[in-house]
PDB file of N, CA and C in Angstrom:
ATOM      1  N   MET A   1      -6.511  29.243  45.287  1.00  0.00           N
ATOM      2  CA  MET A   1      -6.123  27.906  44.874  1.00  0.00           C
ATOM      3  C   MET A   1      -7.350  27.153  44.380  1.00  0.00           C
ATOM      4  N   ASN A   2      -7.139  26.343  43.392  1.00  0.00           N
ATOM      5  CA  ASN A   2      -8.265  25.533  42.940  1.00  0.00           C
ATOM      6  C   ASN A   2      -8.339  24.241  43.750  1.00  0.00           C
ATOM      7  N   ALA A   3      -9.476  23.582  43.644  1.00  0.00           N
ATOM      8  CA  ALA A   3      -9.720  22.396  44.465  1.00  0.00           C
ATOM      9  C   ALA A   3      -8.751  21.269  44.156  1.00  0.00           C
ATOM     10  N   LEU A   4      -8.352  21.122  42.883  1.00  0.00           N
ATOM     11  CA  LEU A   4      -7.445  20.036  42.513  1.00  0.00           C
ATOM     12  C   LEU A   4      -6.102  20.179  43.211  1.00  0.00           C
ATOM     13  N   SER A   5      -5.565  21.388  43.243  1.00  0.00           N
ATOM     14  CA  SER A   5      -4.263  21.574  43.882  1.00  0.00           C
ATOM     15  C   SER A   5      -4.353  21.426  45.391  1.00  0.00           C
ATOM     16  N   ILE A   6      -5.521  21.700  45.973  1.00  0.00           N
ATOM     17  CA  ILE A   6      -5.679  21.523  47.411  1.00  0.00           C
ATOM     18  C   ILE A   6      -5.629  20.038  47.768  1.00  0.00           C
ATOM     19  N   TYR A   7      -6.324  19.206  46.980  1.00  0.00           N
ATOM     20  CA  TYR A   7      -6.373  17.777  47.281  1.00  0.00           C
ATOM     21  C   TYR A   7      -5.116  17.037  46.857  1.00  0.00           C
ATOM     22  N   LEU A   8      -4.548  17.397  45.725  1.00  0.00           N
ATOM     23  CA  LEU A   8      -3.413  16.641  45.206  1.00  0.00           C
ATOM     24  C   LEU A   8      -2.069  17.308  45.447  1.00  0.00           C
ATOM     25  N   GLY A   9      -2.050  18.557  45.802  1.00  0.00           N
ATOM     26  CA  GLY A   9      -0.804  19.279  45.904  1.00  0.00           C
ATOM     27  C   GLY A   9      -0.329  19.630  44.504  1.00  0.00           C
ATOM     28  N   MET A  10       0.911  19.966  44.372  1.00  0.00           N
ATOM     29  CA  MET A  10       1.451  20.298  43.057  1.00  0.00           C
ATOM     30  C   MET A  10       1.714  19.002  42.293  1.00  0.00           C
ATOM     31  N   ILE A  11       1.211  18.949  41.060  1.00  0.00           N
ATOM     32  CA  ILE A  11       1.402  17.760  40.232  1.00  0.00           C
ATOM     33  C   ILE A  11       2.752  17.885  39.536  1.00  0.00           C
ATOM     34  N   GLY A  12       3.609  16.903  39.740  1.00  0.00           N
ATOM     35  CA  GLY A  12       4.934  16.918  39.159  1.00  0.00           C
ATOM     36  C   GLY A  12       5.140  15.767  38.192  1.00  0.00           C
ATOM     37  N   GLY A  13       6.363  15.540  37.820  1.00  0.00           N
ATOM     38  CA  GLY A  13       6.717  14.494  36.864  1.00  0.00           C
ATOM     39  C   GLY A  13       6.310  13.092  37.281  1.00  0.00           C
ATOM     40  N   PRO A  14       6.633  12.676  38.508  1.00  0.00           N
ATOM     41  CA  PRO A  14       6.257  11.312  38.923  1.00  0.00           C
ATOM     42  C   PRO A  14       4.738  11.085  38.913  1.00  0.00           C
ATOM     43  N   GLN A  15       3.981  12.097  39.310  1.00  0.00           N
ATOM     44  CA  GLN A  15       2.524  11.952  39.316  1.00  0.00           C
ATOM     45  C   GLN A  15       1.983  11.816  37.899  1.00  0.00           C
ATOM     46  N   ILE A  16       2.534  12.566  36.968  1.00  0.00           N
ATOM     47  CA  ILE A  16       2.092  12.485  35.578  1.00  0.00           C
ATOM     48  C   ILE A  16       2.408  11.098  35.017  1.00  0.00           C
ATOM     49  N   ILE A  17       3.563  10.567  35.330  1.00  0.00           N
ATOM     50  CA  ILE A  17       3.931   9.221  34.861  1.00  0.00           C
ATOM     51  C   ILE A  17       2.960   8.183  35.413  1.00  0.00           C
ATOM     52  N   ILE A  18       2.605   8.312  36.680  1.00  0.00           N
ATOM     53  CA  ILE A  18       1.649   7.369  37.277  1.00  0.00           C
ATOM     54  C   ILE A  18       0.297   7.474  36.586  1.00  0.00           C
ATOM     55  N   ILE A  19      -0.156   8.677  36.310  1.00  0.00           N
ATOM     56  CA  ILE A  19      -1.440   8.874  35.627  1.00  0.00           C
ATOM     57  C   ILE A  19      -1.408   8.243  34.242  1.00  0.00           C
ATOM     58  N   VAL A  20      -0.320   8.430  33.505  1.00  0.00           N
ATOM     59  CA  VAL A  20      -0.203   7.857  32.158  1.00  0.00           C
ATOM     60  C   VAL A  20      -0.216   6.331  32.225  1.00  0.00           C
ATOM     61  N   VAL A  21       0.475   5.753  33.194  1.00  0.00           N
ATOM     62  CA  VAL A  21       0.498   4.296  33.331  1.00  0.00           C
ATOM     63  C   VAL A  21      -0.896   3.761  33.655  1.00  0.00           C
ATOM     64  N   VAL A  22      -1.623   4.453  34.520  1.00  0.00           N
ATOM     65  CA  VAL A  22      -2.976   4.014  34.867  1.00  0.00           C
ATOM     66  C   VAL A  22      -3.882   4.085  33.645  1.00  0.00           C
ATOM     67  N   ILE A  23      -3.768   5.147  32.860  1.00  0.00           N
ATOM     68  CA  ILE A  23      -4.579   5.277  31.641  1.00  0.00           C
ATOM     69  C   ILE A  23      -4.247   4.158  30.664  1.00  0.00           C
ATOM     70  N   LEU A  24      -2.962   3.854  30.501  1.00  0.00           N
ATOM     71  CA  LEU A  24      -2.573   2.752  29.616  1.00  0.00           C
ATOM     72  C   LEU A  24      -3.137   1.416  30.095  1.00  0.00           C
ATOM     73  N   LEU A  25      -3.127   1.202  31.396  1.00  0.00           N
ATOM     74  CA  LEU A  25      -3.668  -0.048  31.930  1.00  0.00           C
ATOM     75  C   LEU A  25      -5.185  -0.137  31.746  1.00  0.00           C
ATOM     76  N   LEU A  26      -5.872   0.987  31.903  1.00  0.00           N
ATOM     77  CA  LEU A  26      -7.328   0.979  31.778  1.00  0.00           C
ATOM     78  C   LEU A  26      -7.796   0.825  30.337  1.00  0.00           C
ATOM     79  N   PHE A  27      -7.179   1.566  29.424  1.00  0.00           N
ATOM     80  CA  PHE A  27      -7.678   1.618  28.053  1.00  0.00           C
ATOM     81  C   PHE A  27      -6.858   0.799  27.072  1.00  0.00           C
ATOM     82  N   GLY A  28      -5.629   0.516  27.366  1.00  0.00           N
ATOM     83  CA  GLY A  28      -4.782  -0.221  26.447  1.00  0.00           C
ATOM     84  C   GLY A  28      -4.186   0.713  25.398  1.00  0.00           C
ATOM     85  N   GLY A  29      -3.101   0.299  24.815  1.00  0.00           N
ATOM     86  CA  GLY A  29      -2.384   1.120  23.847  1.00  0.00           C
ATOM     87  C   GLY A  29      -3.138   1.358  22.554  1.00  0.00           C
ATOM     88  N   ARG A  30      -3.981   0.435  22.153  1.00  0.00           N
ATOM     89  CA  ARG A  30      -4.694   0.572  20.877  1.00  0.00           C
ATOM     90  C   ARG A  30      -5.868   1.525  20.975  1.00  0.00           C
ATOM     91  N   LYS A  31      -6.440   1.655  22.136  1.00  0.00           N
ATOM     92  CA  LYS A  31      -7.641   2.474  22.304  1.00  0.00           C
ATOM     93  C   LYS A  31      -7.318   3.960  22.474  1.00  0.00           C
ATOM     94  N   ILE A  32      -6.141   4.293  22.942  1.00  0.00           N
ATOM     95  CA  ILE A  32      -5.787   5.678  23.240  1.00  0.00           C
ATOM     96  C   ILE A  32      -5.814   6.576  22.000  1.00  0.00           C
ATOM     97  N   PRO A  33      -5.239   6.171  20.836  1.00  0.00           N
ATOM     98  CA  PRO A  33      -5.329   7.054  19.669  1.00  0.00           C
ATOM     99  C   PRO A  33      -6.780   7.346  19.262  1.00  0.00           C
ATOM    100  N   GLU A  34      -7.642   6.350  19.398  1.00  0.00           N
ATOM    101  CA  GLU A  34      -9.059   6.560  19.069  1.00  0.00           C
ATOM    102  C   GLU A  34      -9.687   7.563  20.045  1.00  0.00           C
ATOM    103  N   LEU A  35      -9.349   7.461  21.308  1.00  0.00           N
ATOM    104  CA  LEU A  35      -9.865   8.403  22.301  1.00  0.00           C
ATOM    105  C   LEU A  35      -9.367   9.815  22.025  1.00  0.00           C
ATOM    106  N   MET A  36      -8.098   9.951  21.646  1.00  0.00           N
ATOM    107  CA  MET A  36      -7.538  11.271  21.359  1.00  0.00           C
ATOM    108  C   MET A  36      -8.173  11.888  20.107  1.00  0.00           C
ATOM    109  N   ARG A  37      -8.444  11.045  19.083  1.00  0.00           N
ATOM    110  CA  ARG A  37      -9.136  11.539  17.888  1.00  0.00           C
ATOM    111  C   ARG A  37     -10.514  12.070  18.245  1.00  0.00           C
ATOM    112  N   GLY A  38     -11.227  11.332  19.071  1.00  0.00           N
ATOM    113  CA  GLY A  38     -12.550  11.768  19.507  1.00  0.00           C
ATOM    114  C   GLY A  38     -12.486  13.060  20.302  1.00  0.00           C
ATOM    115  N   LEU A  39     -11.496  13.174  21.168  1.00  0.00           N
ATOM    116  CA  LEU A  39     -11.320  14.393  21.946  1.00  0.00           C
ATOM    117  C   LEU A  39     -10.994  15.573  21.042  1.00  0.00           C
ATOM    118  N   GLY A  40     -10.120  15.356  20.068  1.00  0.00           N
ATOM    119  CA  GLY A  40      -9.755  16.423  19.133  1.00  0.00           C
ATOM    120  C   GLY A  40     -10.931  16.881  18.298  1.00  0.00           C
ATOM    121  N   SER A  41     -11.732  15.944  17.814  1.00  0.00           N
ATOM    122  CA  SER A  41     -12.892  16.336  17.012  1.00  0.00           C
ATOM    123  C   SER A  41     -13.925  17.057  17.872  1.00  0.00           C
ATOM    124  N   GLY A  42     -14.060  16.661  19.124  1.00  0.00           N
ATOM    125  CA  GLY A  42     -14.979  17.357  20.028  1.00  0.00           C
ATOM    126  C   GLY A  42     -14.546  18.785  20.289  1.00  0.00           C
ATOM    127  N   ILE A  43     -13.249  18.991  20.473  1.00  0.00           N
ATOM    128  CA  ILE A  43     -12.731  20.341  20.686  1.00  0.00           C
ATOM    129  C   ILE A  43     -12.931  21.183  19.437  1.00  0.00           C
ATOM    130  N   LYS A  44     -12.701  20.594  18.270  1.00  0.00           N
ATOM    131  CA  LYS A  44     -12.885  21.323  17.015  1.00  0.00           C
ATOM    132  C   LYS A  44     -14.349  21.732  16.833  1.00  0.00           C
ATOM    133  N   GLU A  45     -15.280  20.833  17.123  1.00  0.00           N
ATOM    134  CA  GLU A  45     -16.698  21.159  17.018  1.00  0.00           C
ATOM    135  C   GLU A  45     -17.070  22.279  17.983  1.00  0.00           C
ATOM    136  N   PHE A  46     -16.522  22.245  19.185  1.00  0.00           N
ATOM    137  CA  PHE A  46     -16.805  23.284  20.165  1.00  0.00           C
ATOM    138  C   PHE A  46     -16.299  24.637  19.679  1.00  0.00           C
ATOM    139  N   LYS A  47     -15.085  24.669  19.140  1.00  0.00           N
ATOM    140  CA  LYS A  47     -14.534  25.929  18.631  1.00  0.00           C
ATOM    141  C   LYS A  47     -15.354  26.451  17.465  1.00  0.00           C
ATOM    142  N   ASP A  48     -15.784  25.555  16.561  1.00  0.00           N
ATOM    143  CA  ASP A  48     -16.615  25.968  15.431  1.00  0.00           C
ATOM    144  C   ASP A  48     -17.941  26.550  15.911  1.00  0.00           C
ATOM    145  N   ALA A  49     -18.533  25.926  16.924  1.00  0.00           N
ATOM    146  CA  ALA A  49     -19.813  26.410  17.443  1.00  0.00           C
ATOM    147  C   ALA A  49     -19.658  27.779  18.096  1.00  0.00           C
ATOM    148  N   THR A  50     -18.585  27.971  18.846  1.00  0.00           N
ATOM    149  CA  THR A  50     -18.390  29.276  19.481  1.00  0.00           C
ATOM    150  C   THR A  50     -18.095  30.341  18.436  1.00  0.00           C
ATOM    151  N   LYS A  51     -17.391  29.973  17.365  1.00  0.00           N
ATOM    152  CA  LYS A  51     -17.112  30.937  16.303  1.00  0.00           C
ATOM    153  C   LYS A  51     -18.405  31.338  15.593  1.00  0.00           C
ATOM    154  N   GLU A  52     -19.293  30.370  15.345  1.00  0.00           N
ATOM    155  CA  GLU A  52     -20.582  30.678  14.721  1.00  0.00           C
ATOM    156  C   GLU A  52     -21.389  31.627  15.594  1.00  0.00           C
ATOM    157  N   ASP A  53     -21.385  31.380  16.911  1.00  0.00           N
ATOM    158  CA  ASP A  53     -22.109  32.260  17.825  1.00  0.00           C
ATOM    159  C   ASP A  53     -21.522  33.663  17.817  1.00  0.00           C
ATOM    160  N   ASP A  54     -20.194  33.774  17.799  1.00  0.00           N
ATOM    161  CA  ASP A  54     -19.555  35.087  17.742  1.00  0.00           C
ATOM    162  C   ASP A  54     -19.913  35.812  16.451  1.00  0.00           C
ATOM    163  N   ASP A  55     -19.956  35.076  15.338  1.00  0.00           N
ATOM    164  CA  ASP A  55     -20.319  35.685  14.060  1.00  0.00           C
ATOM    165  C   ASP A  55     -21.751  36.205  14.092  1.00  0.00           C
ATOM    166  N   LYS A  56     -22.669  35.438  14.692  1.00  0.00           N
ATOM    167  CA  LYS A  56     -24.070  35.866  14.796  1.00  0.00           C
ATOM    168  C   LYS A  56     -24.184  37.117  15.667  1.00  0.00           C
ATOM    169  N   ILE A  57     -23.442  37.158  16.755  1.00  0.00           N
ATOM    170  CA  ILE A  57     -23.488  38.329  17.637  1.00  0.00           C
ATOM    171  C   ILE A  57     -22.951  39.563  16.906  1.00  0.00           C
ATOM    172  N   ASN A  58     -21.868  39.390  16.163  1.00  0.00           N
ATOM    173  CA  ASN A  58     -21.274  40.511  15.427  1.00  0.00           C
ATOM    174  C   ASN A  58     -22.221  41.016  14.350  1.00  0.00           C
ATOM    175  N   GLU A  59     -22.972  40.108  13.690  1.00  0.00           N
ATOM    176  CA  GLU A  59     -23.932  40.509  12.669  1.00  0.00           C
ATOM    177  C   GLU A  59     -25.064  41.323  13.280  1.00  0.00           C
ATOM    178  N   LYS A  60     -25.522  40.961  14.464  1.00  0.00           N
ATOM    179  CA  LYS A  60     -26.617  41.676  15.114  1.00  0.00           C
ATOM    180  C   LYS A  60     -26.167  43.060  15.583  1.00  0.00           C
ATOM    181  N   ASN A  61     -24.910  43.181  15.971  1.00  0.00           N
ATOM    182  CA  ASN A  61     -24.393  44.461  16.478  1.00  0.00           C
ATOM    183  C   ASN A  61     -24.107  45.453  15.364  1.00  0.00           C
ATOM    184  N   GLU A  62     -24.012  44.988  14.152  1.00  0.00           N
ATOM    185  CA  GLU A  62     -23.668  45.904  13.047  1.00  0.00           C
ATOM    186  C   GLU A  62     -24.894  46.541  12.460  1.00  0.00           C
TER     187      GLU A  62
END
């Protein structure tokens, strides 16, 4: 078991709704799309970087 499930138990529908409401209260409705865009671009950069590293490794092995 991972640590999150030990402390929180199984996360279900009501818990997810509470988390979403807390996020809305903290950041507001206008800020969330900007946060998601930033998260998406960060994930894309990470994937691009790992792909570049894989390409370099494959070039060295050939």
